[in-house]
């Protein structure tokens, strides 16, 4: 049996890899031979998917920011549709990656309606709710929607989708992380060192908009706390040179590491991070964090004009419980001074830190029980014809 999986960006590759591993595991238990072809990245390839195209380097957020990636995205869409036409799979799984996946889903509905389509980790229309068009398209192309957030499940169920809430796959992922003590030993962090994770980028635009203010804040924190050491795990190896150059430029006591993200996150006393999936990982690991995000000013103005304040939070950690567990510094608020103040408060104020850790517990309860990926895999395999 052949399953086609479509996802994009670094986070999609991570989620896709967890799903591919679970699908292979569950298929083996059922005595089923499974071939998985995918749009994704190296993590998916490493667990047994055959990559049709690598989509981890063409991700962006925003209108202006996405312009350089329009042509590459269209080319990948065309190749994917050509492949599906020539090699119809037994089932298709779409993971986030809204516009390309809606295009692929529409093609399947119109030309290969016999192929079941599963949407796993649906685009965040349940948060934006800009208009009903995208929601209706997602529901219309989907035979089964596997939700990772309770709010996502409720939203799409109300819109008429066939929904099952499986929980969030990061609940499974953090089970494999080392303990704080083990991680610090593996990284060679002395007991008296304050370890701060800096997580500026999984997209190229974030190096431009987030890295300078984040590193300026780190510079001030280092001046106030000389025993601090910064750790920057690479999401993509192509970011190594600009990040290493920035460390030198700002005079930081820092290390750039590849392939050791789990150790860096687990060892951290706190993190300064972009908004994204990693916020949930940090929360599941009980690491205090300051979240920031910046877009091009024109993109931000358009977003504010269209959204008109309808997005309650940016970080998924806050979205899960709809309350400000972690500080979010967005656009003009994402200044070195504000980042420094929020970070030092978490490092030096034990009451503030304990409050965040207590709020994490509430959030963790809403992400489901361990076994998420296997539950999702079973739901998907059950939709295969003649399974």
Protein backbone atom coordinates (compact mmCIF):
# COMPACT_ATOMS: atom_id res chain seq x y z
CA UNK A 1 0.00 0.00 0.00
CA UNK A 2 1.26 3.48 -0.85
CA UNK A 3 0.60 6.58 1.25
CA UNK A 4 1.46 10.06 0.00
CA UNK A 5 2.21 12.68 2.69
CA UNK A 6 2.44 16.40 1.97
CA UNK A 7 3.92 18.94 4.38
CA UNK A 8 6.31 21.88 4.40
CA UNK A 9 8.77 23.82 6.56
CA UNK A 10 10.96 22.55 9.40
CA UNK A 11 8.10 21.95 11.85
CA UNK A 12 6.10 20.00 9.25
CA UNK A 13 9.11 17.79 8.58
CA UNK A 14 9.37 17.06 12.31
CA UNK A 15 5.68 16.22 12.66
CA UNK A 16 5.80 14.21 9.45
CA UNK A 17 8.77 12.18 10.67
CA UNK A 18 6.97 11.25 13.89
CA UNK A 19 3.94 10.16 11.86
CA UNK A 20 5.97 8.18 9.30
CA UNK A 21 7.71 6.25 12.08
CA UNK A 22 4.34 5.46 13.70
CA UNK A 23 2.78 4.41 10.38
CA UNK A 24 5.68 2.06 9.68
CA UNK A 25 5.39 0.66 13.21
CA UNK A 26 1.64 0.08 13.05
CA UNK A 27 1.78 -1.31 9.50
CA UNK A 28 4.39 -3.86 10.60
CA UNK A 29 2.16 -4.95 13.48
CA UNK A 30 -0.71 -5.42 11.03
CA UNK A 31 1.49 -7.33 8.57
CA UNK A 32 1.08 -4.61 5.97
CA UNK A 33 3.81 -3.59 3.54
CA UNK A 34 3.81 0.19 3.34
CA UNK A 35 5.47 2.62 0.95
CA UNK A 36 5.48 6.31 1.93
CA UNK A 37 6.22 9.03 -0.62
CA UNK A 38 6.37 12.60 0.64
CA UNK A 39 6.85 16.29 0.29
CA UNK A 40 8.90 16.98 3.41
CA UNK A 41 12.47 17.04 4.62
CA UNK A 42 15.45 15.09 5.89
CA UNK A 43 13.80 13.98 9.12
CA UNK A 44 11.05 12.23 7.16
CA UNK A 45 13.59 10.69 4.80
CA UNK A 46 15.62 9.42 7.76
CA UNK A 47 12.66 7.38 9.06
CA UNK A 48 11.82 5.76 5.75
CA UNK A 49 9.86 8.18 3.55
CA UNK A 50 10.86 8.59 -0.09
CA UNK A 51 11.10 12.34 -0.73
CA UNK A 52 9.49 13.63 -3.88
CA UNK A 53 10.62 17.19 -3.02
CA UNK A 54 12.31 18.84 -0.04
CA UNK A 55 10.01 21.60 1.26
CA UNK A 56 11.85 22.63 4.44
CA UNK A 57 13.63 25.64 2.92
CA UNK A 58 10.73 27.43 1.25
CA UNK A 59 8.66 28.36 4.31
CA UNK A 60 7.59 31.90 5.19
CA UNK A 61 5.06 33.86 7.22
CA UNK A 62 3.51 37.00 5.76
CA UNK A 63 2.58 38.46 2.40
CA UNK A 64 5.80 40.20 1.36
CA UNK A 65 7.90 37.48 2.98
CA UNK A 66 6.27 34.77 0.87
CA UNK A 67 6.88 36.41 -2.51
CA UNK A 68 10.34 34.83 -3.12
CA UNK A 69 8.82 31.40 -2.54
CA UNK A 70 5.77 31.66 -4.81
CA UNK A 71 7.47 30.20 -7.89
CA UNK A 72 9.28 27.34 -6.06
CA UNK A 73 6.02 26.46 -4.30
CA UNK A 74 4.05 26.41 -7.56
CA UNK A 75 6.72 24.20 -9.15
CA UNK A 76 6.53 21.75 -6.26
CA UNK A 77 2.72 21.71 -6.46
CA UNK A 78 2.88 20.89 -10.16
CA UNK A 79 5.38 18.08 -9.60
CA UNK A 80 3.31 16.65 -6.78
CA UNK A 81 0.12 16.70 -8.85
CA UNK A 82 1.92 15.14 -11.82
CA UNK A 83 3.19 12.38 -9.54
CA UNK A 84 -0.28 11.76 -8.06
CA UNK A 85 -1.76 11.58 -11.56
CA UNK A 86 0.80 9.03 -12.76
CA UNK A 87 1.08 7.09 -9.48
CA UNK A 88 -2.23 7.30 -7.62
CA UNK A 89 -1.60 6.35 -3.98
CA UNK A 90 -3.99 4.39 -1.77
CA UNK A 91 -4.30 7.30 0.68
CA UNK A 92 -3.10 10.90 1.09
CA UNK A 93 -2.17 12.64 4.34
CA UNK A 94 -1.93 16.44 4.41
CA UNK A 95 -0.03 18.06 7.29
CA UNK A 96 -0.60 21.82 7.85
CA UNK A 97 1.06 23.74 4.89
CA UNK A 98 -2.25 25.36 4.02
CA UNK A 99 -2.17 26.79 0.49
CA UNK A 100 -0.14 24.00 -1.21
CA UNK A 101 -2.15 21.31 0.57
CA UNK A 102 -5.50 22.88 -0.35
CA UNK A 103 -4.35 22.92 -3.99
CA UNK A 104 -3.32 19.25 -3.80
CA UNK A 105 -6.51 18.33 -1.94
CA UNK A 106 -8.68 20.10 -4.52
CA UNK A 107 -6.94 18.23 -7.34
CA UNK A 108 -7.61 14.92 -5.61
CA UNK A 109 -11.27 15.73 -4.95
CA UNK A 110 -11.88 16.69 -8.57
CA UNK A 111 -9.75 14.09 -10.35
CA UNK A 112 -9.13 11.18 -7.95
CA UNK A 113 -12.13 11.28 -5.61
CA UNK A 114 -11.74 7.60 -4.73
CA UNK A 115 -8.52 8.32 -2.77
CA UNK A 116 -9.15 8.99 0.95
CA UNK A 117 -7.67 12.27 2.21
CA UNK A 118 -6.68 12.77 5.85
CA UNK A 119 -5.78 16.21 7.23
CA UNK A 120 -3.47 15.83 10.24
CA UNK A 121 -2.62 19.04 12.12
CA UNK A 122 -4.94 21.29 10.15
CA UNK A 123 -3.93 24.87 9.29
CA UNK A 124 -4.74 27.28 12.10
CA UNK A 125 -8.00 28.52 10.65
CA UNK A 126 -9.48 27.60 14.01
CA UNK A 127 -7.37 30.46 15.42
CA UNK A 128 -7.54 33.04 12.62
CA UNK A 129 -11.11 32.42 11.43
CA UNK A 130 -10.55 35.12 8.79
CA UNK A 131 -13.31 33.91 6.52
CA UNK A 132 -15.21 30.73 5.89
CA UNK A 133 -13.61 30.07 2.49
CA UNK A 134 -10.43 28.34 3.65
CA UNK A 135 -12.30 26.46 6.38
CA UNK A 136 -14.85 25.22 3.85
CA UNK A 137 -12.07 24.18 1.47
CA UNK A 138 -10.28 22.23 4.22
CA UNK A 139 -13.51 20.50 5.26
CA UNK A 140 -14.46 19.87 1.62
CA UNK A 141 -11.25 18.08 0.66
CA UNK A 142 -10.97 16.04 3.87
CA UNK A 143 -12.46 12.62 4.59
CA UNK A 144 -10.98 12.61 8.10
CA UNK A 145 -9.42 15.39 10.15
CA UNK A 146 -7.10 14.39 12.97
CA UNK A 147 -6.90 17.30 15.40
CA UNK A 148 -4.02 17.91 17.80
CA UNK A 149 -5.67 20.66 19.87
CA UNK A 150 -9.09 20.43 21.58
CA UNK A 151 -10.02 23.88 20.20
CA UNK A 152 -9.09 22.75 16.68
CA UNK A 153 -11.28 19.66 17.05
CA UNK A 154 -14.29 21.67 18.25
CA UNK A 155 -13.93 24.27 15.50
CA UNK A 156 -13.77 21.85 12.58
CA UNK A 157 -16.44 19.59 14.03
CA UNK A 158 -18.81 22.55 14.19
CA UNK A 159 -17.97 23.26 10.53
CA UNK A 160 -19.00 19.76 9.48
CA UNK A 161 -15.69 17.87 9.33
CA UNK A 162 -15.30 14.25 10.38
CA UNK A 163 -12.94 14.90 13.31
CA UNK A 164 -11.00 12.78 15.80
CA UNK A 165 -8.88 14.46 18.47
CA UNK A 166 -5.69 12.42 18.90
CA UNK A 167 -3.58 14.79 21.02
CA UNK A 168 -0.35 16.57 20.16
CA UNK A 169 2.59 14.52 18.79
CA UNK A 170 5.13 16.49 20.82
CA UNK A 171 3.78 14.71 23.89
CA UNK A 172 5.36 11.59 22.40
CA UNK A 173 8.49 13.35 21.20
CA UNK A 174 9.56 14.72 24.57
CA UNK A 175 9.54 11.20 26.03
CA UNK A 176 12.81 10.61 24.17
CA UNK A 177 14.50 13.78 25.49
CA UNK A 178 17.29 13.34 28.05
CA UNK A 179 16.79 14.56 31.62
CA UNK A 180 18.11 18.01 32.51
CA UNK A 181 21.07 16.49 34.36
CA UNK A 182 21.94 14.11 31.52
CA UNK A 183 21.62 16.85 28.90
CA UNK A 184 23.88 19.22 30.82
CA UNK A 185 26.47 16.47 31.23
CA UNK A 186 26.35 15.63 27.52
CA UNK A 187 26.84 19.29 26.59
CA UNK A 188 29.56 19.78 29.21
CA UNK A 189 27.67 22.50 31.13
CA UNK A 190 29.15 23.17 34.57
CA UNK A 191 26.83 23.29 37.58
CA UNK A 192 27.25 27.05 38.13
CA UNK A 193 26.57 28.01 34.49
CA UNK A 194 23.22 29.51 33.51
CA UNK A 195 22.22 27.85 30.25
CA UNK A 196 19.99 29.93 27.97
CA UNK A 197 18.66 28.55 24.68
CA UNK A 198 18.33 31.07 21.85
CA UNK A 199 15.94 29.94 19.12
CA UNK A 200 15.80 32.66 16.47
CA UNK A 201 14.93 30.91 13.23
CA UNK A 202 13.49 28.03 11.28
CA UNK A 203 12.79 30.36 8.33
CA UNK A 204 15.28 32.65 6.58
CA UNK A 205 13.12 35.75 7.18
CA UNK A 206 13.46 35.17 10.94
CA UNK A 207 17.23 35.55 10.79
CA UNK A 208 16.64 39.07 9.49
CA UNK A 209 13.79 40.15 11.75
CA UNK A 210 14.41 38.25 15.00
CA UNK A 211 18.10 37.45 15.37
CA UNK A 212 19.38 41.04 15.87
CA UNK A 213 16.98 41.98 18.69
CA UNK A 214 17.38 38.57 20.32
CA UNK A 215 21.18 38.76 20.28
CA UNK A 216 21.19 42.39 21.48
CA UNK A 217 19.13 41.26 24.48
CA UNK A 218 21.53 38.35 25.03
CA UNK A 219 24.41 40.84 25.06
CA UNK A 220 22.79 42.78 27.94
CA UNK A 221 21.87 39.62 29.85
CA UNK A 222 25.48 38.44 29.58
CA UNK A 223 26.73 41.76 30.97
CA UNK A 224 24.41 41.41 33.98
CA UNK A 225 24.95 37.64 34.44
CA UNK A 226 28.53 36.77 33.42
CA UNK A 227 27.96 33.08 34.25
CA UNK A 228 25.48 32.72 31.37
CA UNK A 229 26.18 30.63 28.27
CA UNK A 230 23.95 30.73 25.20
CA UNK A 231 23.11 27.67 23.11
CA UNK A 232 21.73 27.99 19.58
CA UNK A 233 20.56 24.72 17.99
CA UNK A 234 20.40 24.84 14.19
CA UNK A 235 17.08 24.09 12.52
CA UNK A 236 18.87 24.02 9.16
CA UNK A 237 22.64 23.76 8.60
CA UNK A 238 22.52 26.65 6.09
CA UNK A 239 21.95 29.03 9.03
CA UNK A 240 25.24 28.15 10.75
CA UNK A 241 27.43 30.82 9.15
CA UNK A 242 25.15 33.85 9.74
CA UNK A 243 24.47 32.77 13.33
CA UNK A 244 28.17 32.17 14.11
CA UNK A 245 29.00 35.57 12.60
CA UNK A 246 26.33 37.17 14.79
CA UNK A 247 27.73 35.52 17.93
CA UNK A 248 31.12 37.07 17.16
CA UNK A 249 29.60 40.45 16.31
CA UNK A 250 27.70 40.67 19.60
CA UNK A 251 30.52 39.13 21.66
CA UNK A 252 28.36 36.36 23.09
CA UNK A 253 29.52 33.35 25.09
CA UNK A 254 27.63 30.99 22.86
CA UNK A 255 27.70 27.68 21.05
CA UNK A 256 26.00 26.79 17.77
CA UNK A 257 25.14 23.09 17.65
CA UNK A 258 23.70 20.77 15.05
CA UNK A 259 21.83 17.56 15.84
CA UNK A 260 21.61 18.32 19.56
CA UNK A 261 18.34 20.25 19.81
CA UNK A 262 16.93 17.84 22.37
CA UNK A 263 19.94 18.24 24.64
CA UNK A 264 19.93 22.05 24.33
CA UNK A 265 16.24 22.36 25.17
CA UNK A 266 16.39 19.86 28.03
CA UNK A 267 19.48 21.52 29.57
CA UNK A 268 18.15 25.08 29.42
CA UNK A 269 17.41 27.20 32.48
CA UNK A 270 15.32 29.35 30.20
CA UNK A 271 14.81 30.09 26.49
CA UNK A 272 14.35 33.15 24.31
CA UNK A 273 12.51 31.86 21.30
CA UNK A 274 10.58 32.70 18.19
CA UNK A 275 6.89 31.84 18.23
CA UNK A 276 6.27 28.33 16.95
CA UNK A 277 6.14 24.62 17.64
CA UNK A 278 9.26 24.78 19.83
CA UNK A 279 7.22 26.76 22.39
CA UNK A 280 5.24 23.60 23.12
CA UNK A 281 8.39 21.51 23.42
CA UNK A 282 9.82 23.94 25.97
CA UNK A 283 6.56 23.96 27.92
CA UNK A 284 6.43 20.16 27.98
CA UNK A 285 10.02 20.19 29.29
CA UNK A 286 9.10 22.82 31.94
CA UNK A 287 11.63 25.32 30.59
CA UNK A 288 10.61 29.00 31.18
CA UNK A 289 10.53 31.01 27.96
CA UNK A 290 10.14 34.44 26.42
CA UNK A 291 8.46 34.40 23.00
CA UNK A 292 8.92 37.01 20.28
CA UNK A 293 8.01 37.53 16.66
CA UNK A 294 8.46 40.22 14.04
CA UNK A 295 7.24 40.54 10.47
CA UNK A 296 7.99 43.12 7.81
CA UNK A 297 6.24 46.34 8.96
CA UNK A 298 4.01 46.40 5.86
CA UNK A 299 2.95 42.78 6.43
CA UNK A 300 2.23 43.60 10.08
CA UNK A 301 0.12 46.62 9.09
CA UNK A 302 -1.90 44.55 6.60
CA UNK A 303 -2.40 41.80 9.17
CA UNK A 304 -3.62 44.27 11.79
CA UNK A 305 -5.95 45.94 9.32
CA UNK A 306 -7.47 42.64 8.19
CA UNK A 307 -7.42 40.76 11.50
CA UNK A 308 -8.36 43.79 13.61
CA UNK A 309 -7.13 42.22 16.81
CA UNK A 310 -9.00 38.95 16.31
CA UNK A 311 -5.97 36.75 17.09
CA UNK A 312 -5.80 36.36 20.88
CA UNK A 313 -2.25 34.93 21.02
CA UNK A 314 0.66 34.04 18.74
CA UNK A 315 2.39 31.30 20.75
CA UNK A 316 0.73 27.86 20.70
CA UNK A 317 1.55 27.57 24.40
CA UNK A 318 -0.89 30.39 25.11
CA UNK A 319 -3.39 29.34 22.46
CA UNK A 320 -3.96 25.93 24.04
CA UNK A 321 -5.43 27.48 27.21
CA UNK A 322 -6.27 30.93 25.78
CA UNK A 323 -4.35 32.78 28.44
CA UNK A 324 -0.90 34.46 28.62
CA UNK A 325 1.23 31.70 30.13
CA UNK A 326 4.40 32.94 28.42
CA UNK A 327 5.21 36.58 27.57
CA UNK A 328 4.69 37.38 23.88
CA UNK A 329 6.67 40.30 22.48
CA UNK A 330 5.37 41.01 18.99
CA UNK A 331 6.44 43.61 16.42
CA UNK A 332 7.22 46.94 18.17
CA UNK A 333 7.18 45.22 21.56
CA UNK A 334 10.00 42.88 20.51
CA UNK A 335 12.78 45.25 21.59
CA UNK A 336 16.08 44.25 23.22
CA UNK A 337 14.99 46.11 26.37
CA UNK A 338 11.67 44.27 26.68
CA UNK A 339 13.25 40.89 25.90
CA UNK A 340 15.96 41.50 28.49
CA UNK A 341 13.47 42.53 31.16
CA UNK A 342 11.22 39.50 30.59
CA UNK A 343 14.19 37.10 30.49
CA UNK A 344 15.83 38.44 33.65
CA UNK A 345 12.52 38.25 35.48
CA UNK A 346 12.30 34.53 34.71
CA UNK A 347 15.94 33.96 35.64
CA UNK A 348 15.95 35.97 38.87
CA UNK A 349 12.34 36.01 40.11
CA UNK A 350 11.48 32.56 41.46
CA UNK A 351 7.79 33.45 41.96
CA UNK A 352 7.39 34.42 38.29
CA UNK A 353 9.13 31.23 37.22
CA UNK A 354 6.99 29.03 39.49
CA UNK A 355 3.80 30.65 38.19
CA UNK A 356 4.80 29.84 34.61
CA UNK A 357 5.63 26.24 35.54
CA UNK A 358 2.24 25.87 37.29
CA UNK A 359 0.48 27.23 34.17
CA UNK A 360 2.45 24.77 32.05
CA UNK A 361 0.79 21.93 33.98
CA UNK A 362 -2.65 23.13 32.92
CA UNK A 363 -1.51 23.39 29.31
CA UNK A 364 0.09 19.94 29.34
CA UNK A 365 -3.17 18.33 30.42
CA UNK A 366 -4.83 19.61 27.25
CA UNK A 367 -2.32 18.05 24.87
CA UNK A 368 -3.42 14.46 25.42
CA UNK A 369 -1.82 11.26 26.67
CA UNK A 370 1.32 9.57 25.39
CA UNK A 371 0.69 7.46 22.28
CA UNK A 372 -0.52 10.30 20.04
CA UNK A 373 1.42 9.25 16.94
CA UNK A 374 0.31 5.64 17.15
CA UNK A 375 -3.31 6.72 17.62
CA UNK A 376 -3.02 8.93 14.54
CA UNK A 377 -1.35 6.13 12.56
CA UNK A 378 -4.11 3.66 13.45
CA UNK A 379 -6.80 6.14 12.37
CA UNK A 380 -5.01 6.66 9.06
CA UNK A 381 -4.38 2.98 8.32
CA UNK A 382 -8.02 2.16 9.02
CA UNK A 383 -8.95 4.39 6.08
CA UNK A 384 -6.89 2.38 3.63
CA UNK A 385 -9.09 0.41 1.21
CA UNK A 386 -9.40 -3.24 2.24
CA UNK A 387 -7.42 -2.69 5.47
